[in-house]
Amino acid sequence: MLLRRKKLFKLSDESGKMDFAEVACKKSSLESDEVFILDSINMIWIWVGKAASSEEKKLGLHYATKYLASVPSRAQSTPIVRVLQGGENEEFECAF
């Protein structure tokens, strides 16, 4: 059995094109002007910052789904949950 670790990805169009890159998996990595995809092993979270661009907000689910499909060992039925900055629940907080 493969050991898996949590991963955090930043979805940003700050450079003029949409970038999707892994960043340090800690809550302090979250930025209000971006969208983040958190793979917490049993769930995929899409965290949407309050100041994220409309394009980032629109593409969050697309990138989360694409990421899930790219991991062969993952069940495609893994839940994907979208959470807005300021509306985080306890389960999201514990995901880090």
N, C-alpha and C. Protein backbone atom coordinates (compact mmCIF):
# COMPACT_ATOMS: atom_id res chain seq x y z
N MET A 1 0.84 -1.18 0.00
CA MET A 1 0.00 0.00 0.00
C MET A 1 0.88 1.25 0.00
N LEU A 2 0.53 2.18 -0.85
CA LEU A 2 1.29 3.43 -0.92
C LEU A 2 0.87 4.37 0.20
N LEU A 3 1.87 4.99 0.81
CA LEU A 3 1.57 6.01 1.82
C LEU A 3 1.31 7.31 1.08
N ARG A 4 0.23 7.96 1.43
CA ARG A 4 -0.10 9.22 0.77
C ARG A 4 0.01 10.35 1.76
N ARG A 5 0.24 11.52 1.23
CA ARG A 5 0.31 12.69 2.09
C ARG A 5 -0.66 13.74 1.56
N LYS A 6 -1.05 14.63 2.43
CA LYS A 6 -1.93 15.72 2.03
C LYS A 6 -1.16 16.64 1.09
N LYS A 7 -1.90 17.26 0.17
CA LYS A 7 -1.28 18.18 -0.78
C LYS A 7 -2.17 19.40 -0.95
N LEU A 8 -1.52 20.54 -1.18
CA LEU A 8 -2.23 21.79 -1.40
C LEU A 8 -1.73 22.40 -2.70
N PHE A 9 -2.68 22.81 -3.54
CA PHE A 9 -2.34 23.41 -4.83
C PHE A 9 -2.97 24.80 -4.93
N LYS A 10 -2.23 25.70 -5.53
CA LYS A 10 -2.70 27.08 -5.73
C LYS A 10 -3.11 27.25 -7.18
N LEU A 11 -4.30 27.77 -7.38
CA LEU A 11 -4.81 28.07 -8.71
C LEU A 11 -4.81 29.59 -8.84
N SER A 12 -3.99 30.11 -9.75
CA SER A 12 -3.80 31.56 -9.84
C SER A 12 -3.65 32.01 -11.28
N ASP A 13 -4.28 33.14 -11.59
CA ASP A 13 -4.10 33.75 -12.91
C ASP A 13 -3.34 35.06 -12.81
N GLU A 14 -2.63 35.23 -11.72
CA GLU A 14 -1.87 36.46 -11.46
C GLU A 14 -0.84 36.76 -12.55
N SER A 15 -0.28 35.71 -13.14
CA SER A 15 0.76 35.88 -14.16
C SER A 15 0.19 36.20 -15.54
N GLY A 16 -1.13 36.19 -15.66
CA GLY A 16 -1.75 36.41 -16.96
C GLY A 16 -2.24 35.13 -17.61
N LYS A 17 -1.79 34.00 -17.06
CA LYS A 17 -2.29 32.70 -17.50
C LYS A 17 -2.62 31.90 -16.25
N MET A 18 -3.44 30.87 -16.41
CA MET A 18 -3.85 30.09 -15.25
C MET A 18 -2.74 29.13 -14.85
N ASP A 19 -2.26 29.26 -13.63
CA ASP A 19 -1.21 28.39 -13.10
C ASP A 19 -1.80 27.52 -12.00
N PHE A 20 -1.36 26.26 -11.97
CA PHE A 20 -1.79 25.30 -10.96
C PHE A 20 -0.53 24.66 -10.43
N ALA A 21 -0.16 24.99 -9.18
CA ALA A 21 1.11 24.52 -8.64
C ALA A 21 0.97 24.11 -7.18
N GLU A 22 1.72 23.09 -6.80
CA GLU A 22 1.72 22.64 -5.41
C GLU A 22 2.45 23.67 -4.55
N VAL A 23 1.90 23.91 -3.37
CA VAL A 23 2.50 24.82 -2.39
C VAL A 23 2.56 24.09 -1.05
N ALA A 24 3.20 24.72 -0.06
CA ALA A 24 3.30 24.11 1.27
C ALA A 24 1.90 23.84 1.81
N CYS A 25 1.70 22.63 2.30
CA CYS A 25 0.38 22.22 2.77
C CYS A 25 0.17 22.66 4.22
N LYS A 26 -0.11 23.95 4.36
CA LYS A 26 -0.43 24.50 5.67
C LYS A 26 -1.44 25.61 5.49
N LYS A 27 -2.25 25.81 6.49
CA LYS A 27 -3.35 26.77 6.38
C LYS A 27 -2.83 28.18 6.09
N SER A 28 -1.66 28.51 6.57
CA SER A 28 -1.11 29.85 6.36
C SER A 28 -0.75 30.09 4.89
N SER A 29 -0.75 29.06 4.06
CA SER A 29 -0.48 29.21 2.63
C SER A 29 -1.67 29.82 1.87
N LEU A 30 -2.87 29.74 2.47
CA LEU A 30 -4.07 30.25 1.81
C LEU A 30 -4.00 31.76 1.66
N GLU A 31 -4.33 32.25 0.47
CA GLU A 31 -4.31 33.69 0.17
C GLU A 31 -5.69 34.11 -0.33
N SER A 32 -6.17 35.24 0.15
CA SER A 32 -7.52 35.71 -0.18
C SER A 32 -7.77 35.94 -1.66
N ASP A 33 -6.71 36.21 -2.41
CA ASP A 33 -6.91 36.54 -3.83
C ASP A 33 -6.68 35.34 -4.76
N GLU A 34 -6.74 34.14 -4.22
CA GLU A 34 -6.51 32.93 -5.01
C GLU A 34 -7.52 31.85 -4.65
N VAL A 35 -7.49 30.78 -5.43
CA VAL A 35 -8.27 29.57 -5.15
C VAL A 35 -7.27 28.45 -4.87
N PHE A 36 -7.57 27.61 -3.92
CA PHE A 36 -6.68 26.51 -3.55
C PHE A 36 -7.43 25.20 -3.59
N ILE A 37 -6.72 24.14 -3.98
CA ILE A 37 -7.25 22.78 -3.99
C ILE A 37 -6.48 22.00 -2.94
N LEU A 38 -7.19 21.49 -1.95
CA LEU A 38 -6.57 20.72 -0.87
C LEU A 38 -6.98 19.26 -1.01
N ASP A 39 -5.99 18.40 -1.16
CA ASP A 39 -6.22 16.96 -1.17
C ASP A 39 -5.95 16.48 0.25
N SER A 40 -7.01 16.25 1.01
CA SER A 40 -6.85 15.83 2.41
C SER A 40 -6.96 14.31 2.55
N ILE A 41 -6.70 13.61 1.48
CA ILE A 41 -6.67 12.16 1.36
C ILE A 41 -8.07 11.55 1.25
N ASN A 42 -8.99 11.88 2.16
CA ASN A 42 -10.34 11.32 2.06
C ASN A 42 -11.32 12.25 1.35
N MET A 43 -10.83 13.46 0.98
CA MET A 43 -11.70 14.45 0.36
C MET A 43 -10.84 15.46 -0.40
N ILE A 44 -11.43 16.05 -1.43
CA ILE A 44 -10.78 17.14 -2.15
C ILE A 44 -11.57 18.41 -1.82
N TRP A 45 -10.88 19.43 -1.35
CA TRP A 45 -11.50 20.70 -0.99
C TRP A 45 -11.10 21.76 -2.01
N ILE A 46 -12.06 22.58 -2.39
CA ILE A 46 -11.79 23.77 -3.20
C ILE A 46 -12.03 24.96 -2.28
N TRP A 47 -10.97 25.65 -1.91
CA TRP A 47 -11.10 26.82 -1.03
C TRP A 47 -11.04 28.06 -1.92
N VAL A 48 -12.07 28.89 -1.84
CA VAL A 48 -12.18 30.07 -2.69
C VAL A 48 -11.97 31.33 -1.85
N GLY A 49 -10.88 32.03 -2.12
CA GLY A 49 -10.60 33.27 -1.42
C GLY A 49 -11.58 34.36 -1.81
N LYS A 50 -11.87 35.27 -0.87
CA LYS A 50 -12.84 36.34 -1.10
C LYS A 50 -12.49 37.22 -2.30
N ALA A 51 -11.20 37.43 -2.54
CA ALA A 51 -10.77 38.32 -3.61
C ALA A 51 -10.28 37.56 -4.85
N ALA A 52 -10.59 36.27 -4.93
CA ALA A 52 -10.17 35.48 -6.09
C ALA A 52 -10.85 36.02 -7.35
N SER A 53 -10.16 35.91 -8.47
CA SER A 53 -10.73 36.40 -9.73
C SER A 53 -11.91 35.53 -10.14
N SER A 54 -12.78 36.07 -10.98
CA SER A 54 -13.94 35.30 -11.43
C SER A 54 -13.50 34.07 -12.22
N GLU A 55 -12.41 34.18 -12.95
CA GLU A 55 -11.90 33.04 -13.73
C GLU A 55 -11.40 31.93 -12.79
N GLU A 56 -10.69 32.30 -11.73
CA GLU A 56 -10.22 31.31 -10.74
C GLU A 56 -11.42 30.62 -10.09
N LYS A 57 -12.41 31.40 -9.70
CA LYS A 57 -13.62 30.83 -9.07
C LYS A 57 -14.31 29.86 -10.02
N LYS A 58 -14.41 30.24 -11.28
CA LYS A 58 -15.10 29.44 -12.27
C LYS A 58 -14.36 28.12 -12.55
N LEU A 59 -13.02 28.16 -12.53
CA LEU A 59 -12.23 26.98 -12.91
C LEU A 59 -11.84 26.07 -11.74
N GLY A 60 -12.18 26.44 -10.52
CA GLY A 60 -11.81 25.64 -9.35
C GLY A 60 -12.26 24.19 -9.45
N LEU A 61 -13.51 23.98 -9.78
CA LEU A 61 -14.03 22.61 -9.87
C LEU A 61 -13.38 21.85 -11.02
N HIS A 62 -13.15 22.53 -12.13
CA HIS A 62 -12.49 21.89 -13.28
C HIS A 62 -11.11 21.37 -12.88
N TYR A 63 -10.32 22.21 -12.22
CA TYR A 63 -8.97 21.79 -11.83
C TYR A 63 -9.00 20.72 -10.75
N ALA A 64 -9.94 20.77 -9.83
CA ALA A 64 -10.05 19.74 -8.79
C ALA A 64 -10.39 18.39 -9.42
N THR A 65 -11.31 18.39 -10.37
CA THR A 65 -11.71 17.16 -11.07
C THR A 65 -10.56 16.62 -11.91
N LYS A 66 -9.87 17.51 -12.59
CA LYS A 66 -8.72 17.11 -13.42
C LYS A 66 -7.61 16.52 -12.54
N TYR A 67 -7.37 17.15 -11.38
CA TYR A 67 -6.36 16.64 -10.46
C TYR A 67 -6.74 15.24 -9.98
N LEU A 68 -7.99 15.06 -9.56
CA LEU A 68 -8.45 13.76 -9.06
C LEU A 68 -8.27 12.69 -10.12
N ALA A 69 -8.59 13.00 -11.35
CA ALA A 69 -8.45 12.04 -12.46
C ALA A 69 -6.99 11.70 -12.74
N SER A 70 -6.07 12.59 -12.36
CA SER A 70 -4.65 12.38 -12.65
C SER A 70 -3.96 11.47 -11.63
N VAL A 71 -4.65 11.12 -10.56
CA VAL A 71 -4.07 10.28 -9.51
C VAL A 71 -4.69 8.89 -9.64
N PRO A 72 -3.97 7.96 -10.29
CA PRO A 72 -4.55 6.65 -10.59
C PRO A 72 -5.00 5.85 -9.38
N SER A 73 -4.37 6.07 -8.23
CA SER A 73 -4.72 5.29 -7.04
C SER A 73 -5.96 5.83 -6.32
N ARG A 74 -6.51 6.93 -6.80
CA ARG A 74 -7.67 7.55 -6.13
C ARG A 74 -8.98 7.10 -6.74
N ALA A 75 -9.93 6.87 -5.87
CA ALA A 75 -11.29 6.55 -6.33
C ALA A 75 -11.88 7.81 -6.94
N GLN A 76 -12.45 7.67 -8.11
CA GLN A 76 -13.05 8.83 -8.77
C GLN A 76 -14.30 9.31 -8.04
N SER A 77 -14.76 8.51 -7.07
CA SER A 77 -15.91 8.90 -6.27
C SER A 77 -15.52 9.72 -5.03
N THR A 78 -14.23 10.07 -4.91
CA THR A 78 -13.77 10.89 -3.80
C THR A 78 -14.56 12.20 -3.79
N PRO A 79 -15.15 12.57 -2.65
CA PRO A 79 -15.95 13.81 -2.62
C PRO A 79 -15.11 15.05 -2.89
N ILE A 80 -15.68 15.98 -3.63
CA ILE A 80 -15.08 17.29 -3.88
C ILE A 80 -16.02 18.32 -3.27
N VAL A 81 -15.50 19.12 -2.34
CA VAL A 81 -16.32 20.08 -1.61
C VAL A 81 -15.75 21.48 -1.80
N ARG A 82 -16.62 22.42 -2.11
CA ARG A 82 -16.22 23.82 -2.30
C ARG A 82 -16.54 24.58 -1.03
N VAL A 83 -15.58 25.36 -0.55
CA VAL A 83 -15.79 26.16 0.66
C VAL A 83 -15.29 27.58 0.38
N LEU A 84 -16.07 28.55 0.83
CA LEU A 84 -15.72 29.96 0.63
C LEU A 84 -14.97 30.49 1.85
N GLN A 85 -14.02 31.37 1.60
CA GLN A 85 -13.27 31.98 2.69
C GLN A 85 -14.26 32.63 3.66
N GLY A 86 -14.09 32.34 4.94
CA GLY A 86 -14.99 32.86 5.96
C GLY A 86 -16.11 31.89 6.29
N GLY A 87 -16.31 30.88 5.44
CA GLY A 87 -17.36 29.89 5.66
C GLY A 87 -16.81 28.51 5.93
N GLU A 88 -15.56 28.43 6.35
CA GLU A 88 -14.91 27.15 6.61
C GLU A 88 -15.59 26.45 7.79
N ASN A 89 -15.76 25.15 7.67
CA ASN A 89 -16.33 24.38 8.77
C ASN A 89 -15.22 23.65 9.53
N GLU A 90 -15.59 22.97 10.58
CA GLU A 90 -14.61 22.28 11.42
C GLU A 90 -13.88 21.19 10.64
N GLU A 91 -14.60 20.50 9.78
CA GLU A 91 -13.98 19.44 8.99
C GLU A 91 -12.86 19.99 8.09
N PHE A 92 -13.11 21.15 7.48
CA PHE A 92 -12.08 21.78 6.66
C PHE A 92 -10.89 22.19 7.53
N GLU A 93 -11.17 22.80 8.66
CA GLU A 93 -10.10 23.25 9.56
C GLU A 93 -9.21 22.08 9.98
N CYS A 94 -9.83 20.94 10.23
CA CYS A 94 -9.09 19.76 10.67
C CYS A 94 -8.35 19.07 9.52
N ALA A 95 -8.69 19.43 8.28
CA ALA A 95 -8.07 18.80 7.11
C ALA A 95 -6.59 19.15 7.00
N PHE A 96 -6.17 20.21 7.62
CA PHE A 96 -4.75 20.59 7.58
C PHE A 96 -4.02 19.86 8.68
